Each structure stands twice: as structure tokens, then as C-alpha cells.
Amino acid sequence: MNGPCILGLVLLCGSGLAEENVLMTAVRLGGKTLGTLVQSTNLTGTLSGTGPFTLFAPVDKAFKALNQSVLEKLSGDKELLTRVLSYHVVSGNVTSGQLKNDMVVDTVEGTSKLRTNIYGSKVTVDGANVILPDQFATNGVVHMIDRVLYPLPTQNLLTYVAGTPSLSQLVYAVSMGDLIDFFKGGPFTLFAPTDEAFGRLPPGLLSNLLLNKTALNNVLEYHVILGTVYSAGLSDNQRVQAANNQDLTVKIEGENVIINDAKVTTADVTVTNGVIHIIDTVLLPPSVAAGYS
């Protein structure tokens, strides 16, 4: 052996590559930014331990895609950074073959759970695509993903909507429809219309709906899919069944996702009981739309 081993994000002994732990494996496969950030926390020792661990490792492009203010916030807050990075780690060896649709798993972070989904040949974790699965290391397995899992899901669907000022009309409609208990269940996919979307409804439609709970709930349930469908699970010309048993049509136009006639303006908001896509138009079931055409 030529000199001592050099311990860093990659461990070299002499002229050969030594056995790699999960962090070293992730760095070698394109997760250098992840490795640099982990080194500034106390997770380096953890991920060098015996494990085993499953690491969902964002590639460098995933960190570059973050808003600069988010990256600065993470870099400047060691406690938050540690929580976010540890949210990408699961105790034990979890291979891609063991992942199931709408499965939730505990993380090393301890308070939030990861949600995995299977869409045909696609495997996602909190909506992030697994782009290189099942890379085995000495102390676990690494799955490379295309997105940083941030922010951590700490709110359920109702809590998130209630805390978002631009969704106040939706909150009021859900309350008037007595659907609060329904939305505490899940998992759900909610296409959430903004207040501006409600404001563009035909004159008199919203007031009439608020006076007719059956009709109101028919409209609200038309915005819900039973199960979690992230953007990765949506495709052009796809038809998906809403909770009122009527179909929604998906269109992909360039980078835009269209649900019926509604554009998704904010996608993949992870909540503890599903996912929310914010849309710019209220979705009307055909029977309701026909009366106001």
C-alpha cells in the first residue's frame, strides 16, 4: 500500500478504490453536492456506520434546481440541513423491488415519512424520480433521485390548504360541504383551485352550489383522486377517475400540465396524506358545466 488511506468523500487506498459506504457511493454516482452538505453535519459519522441504510441521494442537478434562497437557507441553518438530509435516509436495506405504491416509510429524521409510488416502470419517492436504483454499498443501498426532498411534509392536506391564503375559497367550500372528515383520510390527490379560479366561475354558480350540498360535494369530489398521483404519474391523454366516479382528462402541453381546462400552476406539494396540485380553474363535472354553458 502506497502511503496511508485518504478518508474523504471517496476513500482511496494505494491505487485501488476501497469499498464504499452509502455516502461514498452516492458521491461517485453524481451526488457530490450531497456529500459536501453531509460533511457539514453530524450525518457523516452516521452514514459511515454499520447500518444498513437506504439513501435516496439527489444528484447535483437536483440541488442546482433549488431556488437559491432555499439553498442559502439550508447552508446557513445546520439543524434544518441535518433534518432535510436525514429525511433522505431510511434504516435498513430497502431495494426498489420492495417499494410499493403509496407505501410510507420511516426516515432517520424521525418525524416525517417518505411516500413511495409506482407508476408503470417509474418509481418515485415524494414525487422525485428514482433514476438509478439499487446501488449497493458496504453498509446499505443507494437510490439516486432527480429532486431534493424539500420541504419536509409536516401538514396534512386540510392543514396545508387552510394555511394557504390563496386557497381560502376552497377551504370555505369544503367546510360548507361537510367534507372536513373526508379530507382527513386518504391518501388523496387534490387539484386545488385558487381564489382567482373561483372568482372566474359563471355568475351565480358558486352561490347556487353553496346552497346545494349534494351539487357542491359533486364539484369538490371532482377535484380529488383516490391515491397519490404526482406529476410523474400523469401523462398526455390520460384519463383518471375522480372521487365522484367521473373522469378527468390530462394533457401535457410542453412543460404545462392541463387537467380538463385547468392549468397546474404549482405541482407536487407533498402532504402527509397525499399530494396537492394547485390549479387556475375550477373543475366542473359535465352535468354542472352544461347548466352554465
Protein backbone atom coordinates (compact mmCIF):
# COMPACT_ATOMS: atom_id res chain seq x y z
CA MET A 1 0.00 0.00 0.00
CA ASN A 2 1.41 3.35 -1.07
CA GLY A 3 1.05 5.58 1.96
CA PRO A 4 -1.93 5.91 4.30
CA CYS A 5 -5.54 5.72 3.17
CA ILE A 6 -7.12 9.09 2.39
CA LEU A 7 -10.54 9.38 4.00
CA GLY A 8 -12.89 11.87 2.37
CA LEU A 9 -15.96 11.55 0.27
CA VAL A 10 -14.08 8.93 -1.72
CA LEU A 11 -11.71 6.54 0.02
CA LEU A 12 -8.57 5.58 -1.88
CA CYS A 13 -6.02 3.06 -0.68
CA GLY A 14 -2.95 2.82 -2.86
CA SER A 15 -4.05 2.78 -6.47
CA GLY A 16 -7.38 1.00 -5.98
CA LEU A 17 -10.84 2.16 -4.92
CA ALA A 18 -11.64 0.80 -1.47
CA GLU A 19 -15.06 -0.49 -0.53
CA GLU A 20 -17.60 2.31 -0.39
CA ASN A 21 -20.27 3.18 2.15
CA VAL A 22 -23.60 4.63 1.01
CA LEU A 23 -22.38 8.24 1.02
CA MET A 24 -19.24 7.43 -0.97
CA THR A 25 -21.35 5.50 -3.45
CA ALA A 26 -23.74 8.44 -3.86
CA VAL A 27 -20.90 10.88 -4.41
CA ARG A 28 -19.33 8.66 -7.08
CA LEU A 29 -22.65 8.41 -8.89
CA GLY A 30 -23.23 12.16 -9.17
CA GLY A 31 -24.10 13.31 -5.65
CA LYS A 32 -21.08 15.50 -4.88
CA THR A 33 -23.22 18.37 -3.58
CA LEU A 34 -24.98 15.96 -1.25
CA GLY A 35 -21.62 14.74 0.01
CA THR A 36 -20.37 18.27 0.66
CA LEU A 37 -23.52 19.19 2.58
CA VAL A 38 -23.47 15.98 4.63
CA GLN A 39 -19.90 16.74 5.68
CA SER A 40 -21.10 19.94 7.35
CA THR A 41 -23.49 17.96 9.57
CA ASN A 42 -23.16 15.11 12.04
CA LEU A 43 -24.55 12.69 9.46
CA THR A 44 -21.10 11.81 8.10
CA GLY A 45 -20.43 9.52 11.05
CA THR A 46 -23.91 8.03 10.84
CA LEU A 47 -23.66 7.16 7.14
CA SER A 48 -20.19 5.72 7.70
CA GLY A 49 -21.56 3.38 10.36
CA THR A 50 -22.51 -0.26 10.03
CA GLY A 51 -26.11 0.47 9.08
CA PRO A 52 -27.60 -0.84 7.00
CA PHE A 53 -29.09 2.31 5.47
CA THR A 54 -31.11 3.13 2.38
CA LEU A 55 -30.08 6.50 0.95
CA PHE A 56 -32.25 8.35 -1.55
CA ALA A 57 -29.50 10.55 -2.96
CA PRO A 58 -30.29 13.67 -5.04
CA VAL A 59 -27.93 14.20 -7.96
CA ASP A 60 -26.08 17.51 -8.30
CA LYS A 61 -28.63 18.85 -10.80
CA ALA A 62 -31.33 18.44 -8.17
CA PHE A 63 -29.56 20.85 -5.83
CA LYS A 64 -28.89 23.29 -8.69
CA ALA A 65 -32.63 23.29 -9.42
CA LEU A 66 -33.42 24.52 -5.91
CA ASN A 67 -34.26 28.17 -5.51
CA GLN A 68 -31.08 29.95 -4.44
CA SER A 69 -32.78 31.27 -1.30
CA VAL A 70 -33.64 27.70 -0.28
CA LEU A 71 -30.05 26.53 -0.75
CA GLU A 72 -28.78 29.51 1.23
CA LYS A 73 -31.29 28.79 3.99
CA LEU A 74 -30.18 25.15 4.20
CA SER A 75 -26.50 26.06 4.13
CA GLY A 76 -26.98 28.64 6.89
CA ASP A 77 -29.08 26.52 9.23
CA LYS A 78 -27.22 23.39 10.30
CA GLU A 79 -30.17 21.99 12.26
CA LEU A 80 -32.55 22.38 9.31
CA LEU A 81 -29.96 20.98 6.91
CA THR A 82 -29.46 17.93 9.12
CA ARG A 83 -33.22 17.33 9.25
CA VAL A 84 -33.60 17.64 5.48
CA LEU A 85 -30.65 15.38 4.67
CA SER A 86 -31.63 12.77 7.26
CA TYR A 87 -35.12 12.72 5.68
CA HIS A 88 -33.42 11.13 2.67
CA VAL A 89 -32.21 8.19 4.78
CA VAL A 90 -34.14 5.07 5.82
CA SER A 91 -32.85 2.47 8.25
CA GLY A 92 -32.36 -0.97 6.70
CA ASN A 93 -31.84 -2.23 3.16
CA VAL A 94 -34.85 -1.25 1.06
CA THR A 95 -34.46 -2.26 -2.57
CA SER A 96 -36.61 -0.91 -5.39
CA GLY A 97 -38.37 -4.27 -5.60
CA GLN A 98 -39.60 -3.84 -2.05
CA LEU A 99 -41.19 -0.45 -2.72
CA LYS A 100 -44.94 -0.37 -3.24
CA ASN A 101 -47.41 2.19 -4.48
CA ASP A 102 -48.47 4.62 -1.73
CA MET A 103 -46.16 2.97 0.77
CA VAL A 104 -44.91 5.21 3.58
CA VAL A 105 -41.61 4.55 5.32
CA ASP A 106 -39.97 5.99 8.42
CA THR A 107 -36.81 8.03 7.98
CA VAL A 108 -33.79 8.71 10.13
CA GLU A 109 -35.16 12.25 10.51
CA GLY A 110 -37.77 10.71 12.80
CA THR A 111 -40.86 12.91 12.42
CA SER A 112 -41.79 12.73 8.73
CA LYS A 113 -42.42 9.74 6.48
CA LEU A 114 -41.42 9.23 2.86
CA ARG A 115 -44.10 8.17 0.40
CA THR A 116 -43.19 5.87 -2.48
CA ASN A 117 -45.24 5.43 -5.63
CA ILE A 118 -45.09 3.12 -8.63
CA TYR A 119 -46.35 4.43 -11.97
CA GLY A 120 -45.76 1.71 -14.54
CA SER A 121 -41.98 1.43 -14.79
CA LYS A 122 -41.45 4.65 -12.81
CA VAL A 123 -40.57 4.59 -9.12
CA THR A 124 -40.88 7.80 -7.16
CA VAL A 125 -40.25 8.96 -3.63
CA ASP A 126 -42.27 12.03 -2.61
CA GLY A 127 -42.68 12.58 -6.34
CA ALA A 128 -38.95 12.51 -7.13
CA ASN A 129 -37.98 10.01 -9.81
CA VAL A 130 -35.62 7.20 -8.87
CA ILE A 131 -33.23 7.46 -11.82
CA LEU A 132 -30.62 4.92 -10.71
CA PRO A 133 -31.90 2.31 -8.24
CA ASP A 134 -30.28 -0.42 -6.20
CA GLN A 135 -26.65 0.70 -6.00
CA PHE A 136 -25.26 -1.47 -3.22
CA ALA A 137 -22.65 -0.28 -0.74
CA THR A 138 -20.88 -1.85 2.21
CA ASN A 139 -23.50 -0.55 4.64
CA GLY A 140 -26.66 -0.39 2.59
CA VAL A 141 -28.18 0.59 -0.73
CA VAL A 142 -28.39 3.86 -2.67
CA HIS A 143 -31.14 5.07 -4.98
CA MET A 144 -30.21 8.18 -6.99
CA ILE A 145 -33.11 10.62 -7.38
CA ASP A 146 -33.71 13.70 -9.51
CA ARG A 147 -35.09 16.05 -6.86
CA VAL A 148 -34.19 17.21 -3.37
CA LEU A 149 -36.92 16.14 -0.96
CA TYR A 150 -37.80 19.56 0.42
CA PRO A 151 -39.69 20.84 2.30
CA LEU A 152 -40.47 18.00 4.67
CA PRO A 153 -44.17 17.10 4.79
CA THR A 154 -45.44 18.11 8.22
CA GLN A 155 -49.03 19.13 7.39
CA ASN A 156 -51.96 17.09 6.20
CA LEU A 157 -53.98 18.18 3.20
CA LEU A 158 -56.52 20.25 5.13
CA THR A 159 -53.90 21.98 7.28
CA TYR A 160 -51.87 22.97 4.22
CA VAL A 161 -54.90 24.32 2.36
CA ALA A 162 -56.16 26.20 5.41
CA GLY A 163 -52.75 27.83 5.84
CA THR A 164 -52.52 28.99 2.21
CA PRO A 165 -54.22 32.39 1.78
CA SER A 166 -54.87 31.93 -1.94
CA LEU A 167 -56.97 28.82 -1.22
CA SER A 168 -59.47 30.37 1.21
CA GLN A 169 -62.50 29.86 -1.07
CA LEU A 170 -61.69 26.17 -1.32
CA VAL A 171 -61.49 25.92 2.46
CA TYR A 172 -64.89 27.60 2.80
CA ALA A 173 -66.45 25.30 0.18
CA VAL A 174 -65.06 22.18 1.91
CA SER A 175 -66.49 23.41 5.20
CA MET A 176 -69.91 24.11 3.67
CA GLY A 177 -69.90 20.66 2.10
CA ASP A 178 -69.15 18.98 5.43
CA LEU A 179 -66.16 17.27 3.83
CA ILE A 180 -63.62 18.03 6.54
CA ASP A 181 -63.66 14.48 7.90
CA PHE A 182 -63.42 13.10 4.36
CA PHE A 183 -60.23 15.07 3.69
CA LYS A 184 -58.66 13.82 6.91
CA GLY A 185 -58.45 10.38 5.28
CA GLY A 186 -56.51 9.50 2.20
CA PRO A 187 -54.15 9.19 0.60
CA PHE A 188 -55.55 11.72 -1.86
CA THR A 189 -54.51 13.77 -4.84
CA LEU A 190 -56.16 17.18 -4.68
CA PHE A 191 -56.36 19.59 -7.60
CA ALA A 192 -56.80 22.78 -5.58
CA PRO A 193 -58.38 25.80 -7.33
CA THR A 194 -57.21 29.23 -6.21
CA ASP A 195 -59.47 32.05 -5.09
CA GLU A 196 -58.96 33.65 -8.52
CA ALA A 197 -60.24 30.44 -10.10
CA PHE A 198 -63.41 30.57 -8.02
CA GLY A 199 -63.78 34.24 -8.98
CA ARG A 200 -63.93 33.30 -12.66
CA LEU A 201 -66.90 30.94 -12.24
CA PRO A 202 -70.08 31.92 -14.13
CA PRO A 203 -72.22 34.43 -12.19
CA GLY A 204 -74.42 32.76 -9.63
CA LEU A 205 -72.83 29.31 -9.88
CA LEU A 206 -70.87 29.39 -6.64
CA SER A 207 -73.75 30.80 -4.60
CA ASN A 208 -76.06 28.12 -6.01
CA LEU A 209 -73.56 25.39 -5.16
CA LEU A 210 -73.21 26.64 -1.61
CA LEU A 211 -76.98 26.27 -1.20
CA ASN A 212 -76.98 22.70 -2.56
CA LYS A 213 -74.66 20.40 -0.60
CA THR A 214 -75.10 17.46 -2.98
CA ALA A 215 -74.12 19.53 -6.01
CA LEU A 216 -71.30 21.23 -4.09
CA ASN A 217 -69.81 17.92 -3.00
CA ASN A 218 -70.07 16.59 -6.54
CA VAL A 219 -67.90 19.51 -7.69
CA LEU A 220 -65.43 19.22 -4.81
CA GLU A 221 -65.00 15.46 -5.22
CA TYR A 222 -64.34 16.07 -8.92
CA HIS A 223 -61.09 17.70 -7.76
CA VAL A 224 -59.92 14.59 -5.90
CA ILE A 225 -58.27 11.34 -6.98
CA LEU A 226 -58.19 8.49 -4.50
CA GLY A 227 -54.50 7.68 -4.11
CA THR A 228 -51.38 9.76 -4.62
CA VAL A 229 -50.62 10.84 -8.18
CA TYR A 230 -47.55 13.05 -8.54
CA SER A 231 -46.60 14.72 -11.82
CA ALA A 232 -44.51 11.65 -12.65
CA GLY A 233 -47.74 9.63 -12.72
CA LEU A 234 -49.52 11.92 -15.20
CA SER A 235 -49.23 11.51 -18.96
CA ASP A 236 -50.68 13.06 -22.10
CA ASN A 237 -54.24 11.96 -22.97
CA GLN A 238 -54.50 10.07 -19.70
CA ARG A 239 -57.91 9.68 -18.12
CA VAL A 240 -58.11 9.39 -14.35
CA GLN A 241 -61.16 8.76 -12.22
CA ALA A 242 -62.12 11.38 -9.66
CA ALA A 243 -63.70 10.64 -6.31
CA ASN A 244 -67.17 11.35 -7.75
CA ASN A 245 -66.60 8.47 -10.22
CA GLN A 246 -66.29 10.78 -13.22
CA ASP A 247 -63.20 11.02 -15.41
CA LEU A 248 -60.68 13.82 -15.63
CA THR A 249 -58.58 14.25 -18.77
CA VAL A 250 -54.86 15.01 -18.56
CA LYS A 251 -52.99 16.93 -21.27
CA ILE A 252 -49.26 17.62 -21.35
CA GLU A 253 -48.50 20.75 -23.39
CA GLY A 254 -44.78 21.41 -23.31
CA GLU A 255 -43.94 21.96 -19.66
CA ASN A 256 -47.58 22.59 -18.74
CA VAL A 257 -49.92 20.02 -17.22
CA ILE A 258 -53.60 20.58 -18.00
CA ILE A 259 -56.41 18.87 -16.10
CA ASN A 260 -59.54 19.26 -18.25
CA ASP A 261 -59.23 23.02 -18.88
CA ALA A 262 -57.27 23.84 -15.71
CA LYS A 263 -53.54 24.54 -15.75
CA VAL A 264 -51.43 23.22 -12.90
CA THR A 265 -49.62 26.29 -11.56
CA THR A 266 -47.89 24.60 -8.61
CA ALA A 267 -47.28 20.85 -8.74
CA ASP A 268 -46.31 18.12 -6.30
CA VAL A 269 -46.96 19.72 -2.92
CA THR A 270 -46.36 16.76 -0.63
CA VAL A 271 -48.59 16.50 2.43
CA THR A 272 -48.79 13.73 4.98
CA ASN A 273 -51.88 12.19 3.39
CA GLY A 274 -51.16 12.70 -0.28
CA VAL A 275 -50.23 15.40 -2.76
CA ILE A 276 -51.69 18.73 -3.89
CA HIS A 277 -51.54 20.31 -7.33
CA ILE A 278 -52.71 23.93 -7.38
CA ILE A 279 -54.77 24.84 -10.47
CA ASP A 280 -56.05 28.06 -12.05
CA THR A 281 -59.59 26.93 -12.96
CA VAL A 282 -62.39 25.25 -11.04
CA LEU A 283 -63.13 21.79 -12.48
CA LEU A 284 -66.83 21.38 -13.26
CA PRO A 285 -68.41 17.97 -13.83
CA PRO A 286 -70.10 17.83 -17.25
CA SER A 287 -73.61 17.88 -15.72
CA VAL A 288 -72.83 21.07 -13.82
CA ALA A 289 -70.97 22.75 -16.68
CA ALA A 290 -73.86 22.05 -19.07
CA GLY A 291 -76.21 24.16 -16.98
CA TYR A 292 -73.96 27.23 -17.28
CA SER A 293 -72.69 26.92 -20.85
